[in-house]
Protein backbone atom coordinates (compact mmCIF):
# COMPACT_ATOMS: atom_id res chain seq x y z
CA MET A 1 -29.85 40.47 55.71
CA LEU A 2 -30.04 37.18 53.83
CA ASP A 3 -26.66 36.16 55.30
CA HIS A 4 -28.09 36.44 58.78
CA TYR A 5 -31.26 34.68 57.65
CA PHE A 6 -29.34 31.56 56.36
CA LYS A 7 -26.98 31.39 59.29
CA GLN A 8 -29.97 31.24 61.57
CA LEU A 9 -31.68 28.80 59.52
CA ASN A 10 -28.65 26.61 59.47
CA LEU A 11 -28.63 26.55 63.26
CA ASP A 12 -32.33 25.86 63.35
CA LEU A 13 -31.96 22.88 61.03
CA LYS A 14 -29.25 21.41 63.14
CA LYS A 15 -31.09 21.93 66.37
CA GLN A 16 -33.96 19.89 64.89
CA GLY A 17 -31.54 17.08 64.22
CA ILE A 18 -32.25 17.45 60.48
CA ALA A 19 -29.32 15.98 58.37
CA ILE A 20 -30.46 15.21 54.92
CA PRO A 21 -31.57 17.63 51.93
CA GLN A 22 -34.61 19.53 52.74
CA LEU A 23 -37.09 21.71 50.66
CA ILE A 24 -38.09 24.60 52.75
CA ILE A 25 -40.94 27.26 52.50
CA ASP A 26 -40.43 30.37 54.53
CA GLU A 27 -43.85 31.15 56.15
CA ALA A 28 -43.11 34.83 56.54
CA ALA A 29 -42.24 35.29 52.91
CA LEU A 30 -45.34 33.04 51.86
CA LYS A 31 -47.68 35.13 53.97
CA GLN A 32 -46.33 38.40 52.43
CA ASN A 33 -46.92 36.84 48.77
CA ILE A 34 -50.48 35.66 49.84
CA GLN A 35 -51.25 39.09 51.17
CA HIS A 36 -50.19 40.77 47.83
CA ALA A 37 -52.35 38.39 45.88
CA GLN A 38 -55.26 39.01 48.13
CA ILE A 39 -55.03 42.80 47.72
CA ARG A 40 -54.54 42.63 44.02
CA LEU A 41 -57.55 40.21 43.68
CA ALA A 42 -59.77 42.32 45.85
CA HIS A 43 -59.33 45.33 43.33
CA ALA A 44 -59.99 42.88 40.36
CA LYS A 45 -63.58 42.07 40.89
CA HIS A 46 -63.68 40.88 37.11
CA LEU A 47 -61.39 37.61 38.03
CA LYS A 48 -61.74 34.45 39.95
CA ALA A 49 -58.54 33.02 41.23
CA ARG A 50 -57.44 29.46 40.10
CA LEU A 51 -54.35 27.73 41.78
CA VAL A 52 -51.90 25.87 39.57
CA VAL A 53 -51.46 22.43 41.33
CA LYS A 54 -48.23 21.61 39.52
CA SER A 55 -46.38 24.67 40.91
CA LEU A 56 -47.75 24.25 44.45
CA ALA A 57 -47.64 20.37 44.53
CA SER A 58 -48.51 19.79 48.24
CA LEU A 59 -51.81 19.24 49.64
CA ASP A 60 -51.14 21.21 52.85
CA LEU A 61 -50.00 24.15 50.74
CA LEU A 62 -52.93 23.98 48.56
CA LYS A 63 -55.51 23.71 51.61
CA LEU A 64 -53.86 26.85 53.04
CA LEU A 65 -53.91 28.80 49.79
CA SER A 66 -57.52 27.60 49.13
CA GLU A 67 -58.73 29.10 52.35
CA GLN A 68 -56.51 32.27 52.15
CA LEU A 69 -57.51 33.05 48.61
CA ASN A 70 -61.16 31.93 48.92
CA THR A 71 -61.04 29.57 46.11
CA GLN A 72 -61.47 25.96 45.13
CA ARG A 73 -60.68 26.50 41.46
CA PHE A 74 -57.61 24.56 40.44
CA MET A 75 -55.66 24.11 37.18
CA VAL A 76 -54.28 20.57 36.90
CA PHE A 77 -51.62 19.48 34.63
CA HIS A 78 -51.08 15.71 35.61
CA GLN A 79 -53.88 13.12 35.59
CA PRO A 80 -52.95 11.55 39.10
CA HIS A 81 -53.45 14.93 40.60
CA ILE A 82 -57.14 15.12 39.47
CA VAL A 83 -58.28 12.52 42.07
CA SER A 84 -56.15 14.05 44.77
CA ILE A 85 -57.84 17.58 44.37
CA LEU A 86 -61.47 15.88 43.90
CA GLU A 87 -60.88 13.83 47.19
CA ASN A 88 -59.70 16.76 49.22
CA PHE A 89 -61.89 19.82 48.09
CA ALA A 90 -65.57 19.43 48.17
CA GLU A 91 -66.35 22.29 45.73
CA ALA A 92 -63.38 21.48 43.46
CA ASP A 93 -63.59 23.10 39.96
CA ILE A 94 -60.82 21.71 37.91
CA LEU A 95 -59.43 23.20 34.39
CA LEU A 96 -56.88 20.92 32.91
CA GLY A 97 -53.86 23.07 31.83
CA LYS A 98 -52.90 20.95 28.91
CA PRO A 99 -54.85 18.60 26.66
CA MET A 100 -54.62 14.99 28.09
CA PRO A 101 -54.06 12.10 25.72
CA ALA A 102 -57.30 10.63 25.00
CA GLN A 103 -56.22 7.33 26.61
CA ALA A 104 -55.50 9.11 29.92
CA VAL A 105 -58.97 10.41 29.81
CA HIS A 106 -60.29 7.02 29.10
CA GLN A 107 -58.35 5.48 31.96
CA PHE A 108 -59.57 8.21 34.28
CA PHE A 109 -63.21 7.32 33.79
CA GLU A 110 -62.37 3.57 33.56
CA GLN A 111 -60.85 3.72 36.86
CA HIS A 112 -62.77 6.54 38.63
CA SER A 113 -66.45 6.12 37.62
CA GLU A 114 -67.44 7.83 40.86
CA TRP A 115 -66.05 11.12 39.60
CA SER A 116 -67.86 10.96 36.21
CA ASN A 117 -70.00 14.01 37.37
CA ALA A 118 -67.23 15.85 38.91
CA LYS A 119 -66.69 19.44 37.84
CA ILE A 120 -63.80 19.06 35.25
CA GLN A 121 -62.98 21.15 32.24
CA TRP A 122 -61.18 18.99 29.64
CA LEU A 123 -58.91 21.06 27.61
CA ILE A 124 -58.96 20.39 23.96
CA ASP A 125 -56.63 21.98 21.23
CA THR A 126 -57.71 20.45 17.91
CA LYS A 127 -60.82 19.14 16.41
CA GLN A 128 -59.13 15.60 16.11
CA ARG A 129 -58.54 15.56 19.97
CA LEU A 130 -62.30 16.87 20.35
CA GLN A 131 -63.36 13.80 18.28
CA GLN A 132 -61.54 11.40 20.48
CA TYR A 133 -63.16 12.84 23.61
CA LEU A 134 -66.38 12.56 21.94
CA GLU A 135 -66.01 8.97 21.50
CA ILE A 136 -65.16 8.52 25.16
CA ALA A 137 -68.22 10.51 26.14
CA GLN A 138 -70.22 8.32 24.03
CA LEU A 139 -68.67 5.16 25.44
CA TYR A 140 -69.46 6.15 28.92
CA SER A 141 -72.61 8.01 28.41
CA LEU A 142 -71.17 11.21 29.72
CA CYS A 143 -71.55 14.83 28.89
CA LEU A 144 -67.93 16.28 29.07
CA ASP A 145 -67.33 19.99 29.89
CA VAL A 146 -64.95 21.18 27.03
CA ASN A 147 -62.57 24.23 27.31
CA ILE A 148 -60.54 25.23 24.08
CA GLU A 149 -57.02 26.23 24.03
CA ILE A 150 -56.49 29.28 22.24
CA ASP A 151 -53.10 30.55 20.99
CA VAL A 152 -52.76 34.34 22.16
CA GLY A 153 -49.20 34.66 21.11
CA LEU A 154 -47.03 31.98 22.88
CA HIS A 155 -47.30 29.63 19.74
CA ARG A 156 -47.34 26.46 21.79
CA GLY A 157 -50.44 24.85 20.14
CA GLY A 158 -54.04 25.62 20.46
CA VAL A 159 -56.56 27.25 18.19
CA GLN A 160 -54.66 29.68 15.75
CA SER A 161 -57.54 30.79 13.37
CA THR A 162 -61.37 31.50 13.29
CA GLN A 163 -61.69 28.47 10.99
CA GLN A 164 -60.25 26.05 13.65
CA LEU A 165 -62.38 27.47 16.34
CA THR A 166 -65.65 27.44 14.30
CA GLU A 167 -64.92 23.76 13.27
CA ILE A 168 -64.55 22.79 16.96
CA LEU A 169 -67.56 24.73 18.08
CA LYS A 170 -69.71 23.32 15.28
CA LEU A 171 -68.87 19.67 16.47
CA ILE A 172 -69.73 20.66 20.16
CA GLN A 173 -72.94 21.97 18.99
CA GLN A 174 -73.72 18.96 16.99
CA TYR A 175 -73.39 16.70 20.11
CA PRO A 176 -74.99 18.61 22.99
CA GLN A 177 -75.75 15.24 24.90
CA TYR A 178 -72.00 14.58 24.97
CA LEU A 179 -70.11 17.78 24.80
CA LYS A 180 -70.65 21.10 26.80
CA PHE A 181 -68.68 24.07 25.90
CA SER A 182 -67.35 25.43 29.03
CA GLY A 183 -65.01 28.27 27.85
CA LEU A 184 -61.39 29.26 26.53
CA MET A 185 -57.88 29.10 27.95
CA GLY A 186 -55.22 31.35 26.59
CA TYR A 187 -51.83 31.16 28.28
CA ASP A 188 -49.63 34.32 27.75
CA ALA A 189 -46.40 33.70 29.66
CA HIS A 190 -44.62 35.03 26.35
CA VAL A 191 -45.78 38.72 27.33
CA THR A 192 -43.01 39.35 29.91
CA LYS A 193 -40.33 36.98 28.14
CA ILE A 194 -40.14 38.74 24.88
CA PRO A 195 -36.96 41.12 24.80
CA ALA A 196 -38.42 44.67 25.15
CA ILE A 197 -36.32 45.73 22.07
CA ILE A 198 -38.74 43.50 20.00
CA LYS A 199 -41.95 44.26 21.78
CA LYS A 200 -42.58 45.98 25.01
CA PRO A 201 -44.51 43.76 27.61
CA GLU A 202 -47.42 46.25 27.76
CA LEU A 203 -47.89 46.00 23.85
CA ALA A 204 -47.41 42.06 23.92
CA TYR A 205 -50.26 41.96 26.65
CA GLN A 206 -52.47 44.25 24.63
CA SER A 207 -52.07 42.05 21.59
CA SER A 208 -52.67 38.78 23.40
CA GLN A 209 -55.96 40.43 24.95
CA GLN A 210 -57.15 41.59 21.44
CA THR A 211 -56.61 38.02 20.09
CA TYR A 212 -58.54 36.59 23.17
CA ALA A 213 -61.44 39.23 22.70
CA HIS A 214 -61.65 38.41 18.81
CA TYR A 215 -62.44 34.78 19.72
CA GLN A 216 -64.91 35.61 22.47
CA GLN A 217 -66.76 37.91 19.87
CA LEU A 218 -66.84 35.07 17.31
CA ILE A 219 -68.57 32.84 19.83
CA GLN A 220 -70.86 35.34 20.90
CA LYS A 221 -72.03 36.26 17.46
CA GLN A 222 -71.66 32.96 15.57
CA PHE A 223 -72.72 30.57 18.34
CA PRO A 224 -75.22 32.25 20.59
CA THR A 225 -76.56 29.25 21.91
CA LEU A 226 -73.19 28.25 23.36
CA TRP A 227 -72.64 31.70 24.89
CA HIS A 228 -73.87 32.13 28.67
CA ASP A 229 -72.64 34.02 31.74
CA GLU A 230 -70.88 31.02 33.43
CA LEU A 231 -68.39 30.45 30.62
CA CYS A 232 -64.85 30.27 31.89
CA PHE A 233 -62.29 32.56 30.26
CA ASN A 234 -59.03 31.64 31.67
CA GLY A 235 -55.88 33.61 31.35
CA GLY A 236 -52.55 33.77 33.22
CA GLY A 237 -50.29 32.65 34.84
CA SER A 238 -47.97 34.20 37.27
CA PRO A 239 -45.80 36.26 34.87
CA THR A 240 -48.81 38.41 33.87
CA PHE A 241 -50.65 38.41 37.13
CA SER A 242 -50.30 42.08 37.47
CA PHE A 243 -51.70 42.72 34.00
CA HIS A 244 -54.69 40.88 34.54
CA THR A 245 -55.45 42.10 37.84
CA THR A 246 -55.37 45.69 36.32
CA GLU A 247 -57.41 45.05 33.26
CA SER A 248 -58.33 41.77 31.43
CA VAL A 249 -60.90 40.29 28.99
CA CYS A 250 -60.72 37.10 31.25
CA ASN A 251 -62.64 36.22 34.16
CA ASP A 252 -60.61 33.43 35.41
CA LEU A 253 -56.88 33.88 36.35
CA SER A 254 -54.48 30.94 36.89
CA PHE A 255 -51.34 31.46 39.10
CA GLY A 256 -49.11 29.48 41.45
CA SER A 257 -45.34 29.88 41.03
CA MET A 258 -45.27 33.32 42.04
CA LEU A 259 -46.46 32.72 45.52
CA LEU A 260 -43.21 30.70 46.22
CA LYS A 261 -41.25 32.97 43.69
CA PRO A 262 -38.48 30.72 42.39
CA SER A 263 -35.90 32.60 40.42
CA ASP A 264 -37.46 32.08 37.00
CA PHE A 265 -40.01 34.52 38.21
CA ASP A 266 -37.71 37.45 39.15
CA SER A 267 -39.40 40.06 37.06
CA ASP A 268 -40.28 43.84 37.45
CA PHE A 269 -43.92 42.84 37.20
CA LEU A 270 -43.47 40.49 40.33
CA ARG A 271 -40.93 42.54 42.27
CA ALA A 272 -43.52 43.12 45.11
CA LEU A 273 -43.11 39.34 45.99
CA GLN A 274 -40.48 37.57 47.98
CA PRO A 275 -38.61 34.37 47.47
CA ALA A 276 -40.10 31.76 49.88
CA LEU A 277 -38.74 28.41 48.51
CA TRP A 278 -35.08 27.06 49.48
CA ILE A 279 -33.26 23.80 49.30
CA ALA A 280 -31.01 22.94 52.30
CA ALA A 281 -28.29 20.58 51.62
CA PRO A 282 -25.69 19.28 54.35
CA VAL A 283 -21.96 19.52 53.80
CA LEU A 284 -20.39 15.96 53.79
CA LYS A 285 -16.68 16.83 53.12
CA ILE A 286 -14.37 19.82 52.86
CA LEU A 287 -11.23 19.81 50.74
CA PRO A 288 -8.66 22.80 50.93
CA PHE A 289 -9.00 23.15 47.06
CA THR A 290 -10.43 21.66 44.08
CA GLN A 291 -8.17 18.56 42.82
CA LEU A 292 -9.10 17.55 39.36
CA PRO A 293 -8.52 14.06 38.45
CA SER A 294 -5.24 13.32 36.34
CA MET A 295 -4.35 17.10 36.67
CA SER A 296 -2.23 17.05 39.68
CA LEU A 297 0.03 19.78 38.22
CA LEU A 298 -2.71 22.21 39.01
CA ASP A 299 -2.59 21.42 42.61
CA LYS A 300 0.57 23.64 42.89
CA LEU A 301 -1.29 26.81 41.62
CA PRO A 302 -2.88 29.35 44.14
CA HIS A 303 -6.48 28.55 45.07
CA LYS A 304 -8.91 31.11 45.89
CA CYS A 305 -11.73 28.66 46.82
CA LYS A 306 -12.00 25.42 48.93
CA ALA A 307 -14.13 22.60 47.91
CA LEU A 308 -17.25 21.28 49.58
CA PHE A 309 -18.89 18.00 48.66
CA ILE A 310 -22.60 18.24 49.60
CA TYR A 311 -25.44 15.59 50.26
CA GLY A 312 -27.22 15.67 46.83
CA GLY A 313 -26.93 18.49 44.26
CA TYR A 314 -27.69 19.15 40.47
CA TRP A 315 -30.95 20.56 41.37
CA LEU A 316 -32.79 23.12 38.96
CA ALA A 317 -31.48 25.84 41.63
CA ASP A 318 -28.90 28.29 42.12
CA TYR A 319 -26.42 28.37 45.19
CA VAL A 320 -27.29 31.38 47.33
CA TYR A 321 -25.34 30.61 50.63
CA PRO A 322 -22.57 30.77 51.69
CA GLU A 323 -21.99 33.83 49.37
CA GLN A 324 -20.10 33.23 46.25
CA ALA A 325 -20.81 29.45 46.36
CA HIS A 326 -20.71 28.02 42.99
CA THR A 327 -20.15 24.77 41.05
CA HIS A 328 -16.86 24.09 39.28
CA VAL A 329 -16.96 24.05 35.48
CA LEU A 330 -14.26 21.41 34.94
CA TYR A 331 -15.25 19.09 37.68
CA GLY A 332 -18.95 18.95 36.64
CA ARG A 333 -22.17 18.41 38.28
CA SER A 334 -23.37 15.57 40.51
CA SER A 335 -26.83 14.57 41.92
CA ASN A 336 -25.06 12.31 44.43
CA GLN A 337 -22.38 14.44 45.89
CA GLU A 338 -22.00 17.79 44.14
CA LEU A 339 -18.72 19.82 44.34
CA VAL A 340 -19.44 23.37 45.50
CA ASN A 341 -16.57 25.99 45.66
CA VAL A 342 -16.74 28.60 48.43
CA PRO A 343 -14.04 31.31 49.28
CA LYS A 344 -11.03 30.01 51.36
CA ASP A 345 -12.00 32.23 54.35
CA CYS A 346 -15.53 31.02 54.39
CA ASP A 347 -16.66 29.88 57.76
CA ILE A 348 -18.32 26.56 56.99
CA GLN A 349 -18.05 23.14 58.66
CA VAL A 350 -18.93 19.59 57.84
CA ASP A 351 -22.71 19.06 58.76
CA ASP A 352 -23.45 22.80 58.11
CA PHE A 353 -25.92 23.42 55.25
CA VAL A 354 -25.62 25.20 51.97
CA PHE A 355 -28.56 26.86 50.64
CA LEU A 356 -30.06 27.07 47.04
CA ARG A 357 -33.00 28.92 45.50
CA PRO A 358 -34.89 26.87 43.00
CA THR A 359 -35.41 28.25 39.52
CA GLN A 360 -38.89 26.78 39.42
CA SER A 361 -41.09 24.98 41.96
CA GLU A 362 -42.92 22.46 39.58
CA ALA A 363 -39.73 20.48 38.94
CA ILE A 364 -38.28 20.66 42.47
CA ILE A 365 -41.42 19.82 44.68
CA PRO A 366 -41.76 16.29 43.33
CA GLN A 367 -38.17 15.69 44.12
CA PHE A 368 -38.87 15.79 47.81
CA SER A 369 -41.55 13.42 49.60
CA LYS A 370 -41.93 16.18 52.20
CA LEU A 371 -41.29 19.84 52.56
CA LYS A 372 -40.72 22.00 55.68
CA LEU A 373 -42.54 25.08 56.51
CA TYR A 374 -40.28 27.14 58.55
CA ARG A 375 -41.55 29.56 61.03
CA ALA A 376 -40.28 31.14 64.40
CA HIS A 377 -37.28 28.88 64.32
CA ALA A 378 -39.04 25.58 64.13
CA PHE A 379 -40.49 23.49 61.24
CA GLU A 380 -43.91 21.85 60.25
CA THR A 381 -43.70 18.78 57.82
CA TRP A 382 -46.00 18.88 54.77
CA GLN A 383 -46.53 16.08 52.44
CA THR A 384 -45.99 16.71 48.81
CA PHE A 385 -47.43 15.04 45.46
CA SER A 386 -44.41 12.98 44.82
CA GLU A 387 -44.93 12.52 41.12
């Protein structure tokens, strides 16, 4: 099945005169993944979808997904992306996915005063960072929406105790003209990564949800003036999408990568989704076998593989076509002209393409200034966020 797919994709690329490495989104697979998300979300009335910009870093892609999933909620991880989203989505609701250095927040308001009233939830992880943000709010006479990062088991920072949360909330309560509590963010990617022999995913998810609910209850009981129906309780992302859409104490769900399904997201919990992202790289040279520098004695040994040198390489990606394509452990890797071994009987010529499946989208998309949407043997060019 995939063998035929890549042979046809190779022909279609060559027919279009394409001769440099390309990042390709398969429209049919993307549509199927969008449909899966639509169905799951339709049955999860407790959740609002939030698109993760870093994993879907193309304005055309984000516009399509925003329309199809009926959301203008975005999670942003890179300061320059904030303005791109605000300029292109009139109803944009932004939640920062990581705490920005105070200087980055300062620069944002210094350079973009026109967005001082934009709907942005600034993520904070400590009282110290909140104090820095307070000073910025006072400097620019702003009231910042503040979302608090909580540790629900990933152990990557954020609030880890009721004492820490209480101190942060007291500071927010003390300065209502400058700080407004907007909710919590608890990222739970560890749930499906912990070996099942240590903790089953279902139990890990249950534990993370209990932690989340504990902090919600603390706010409701001890800080009732900060509690209201519009608070954003964000969870996710892609690895636990199926868990949250079944049952969740959250009301806001971030996801992105799963819609393209790079290989890091191969999981029993995402098995309904299809890989939709590929790298195509032209073959520049073909040698009958791999010749190792200063090791010519090895040339006389039998060789099962011939050696391709491709345009580019060393991406965070795995070779998927031709079948059995792989790098050479002794020759090493190259981002300029990578050596790829394929079986000797492999039918491949110079100017044909080899294909790779990215392990993640967020590291790959910025390496390409454009990506190609592949549909019906043709390609549509989409711009990417190239940083």
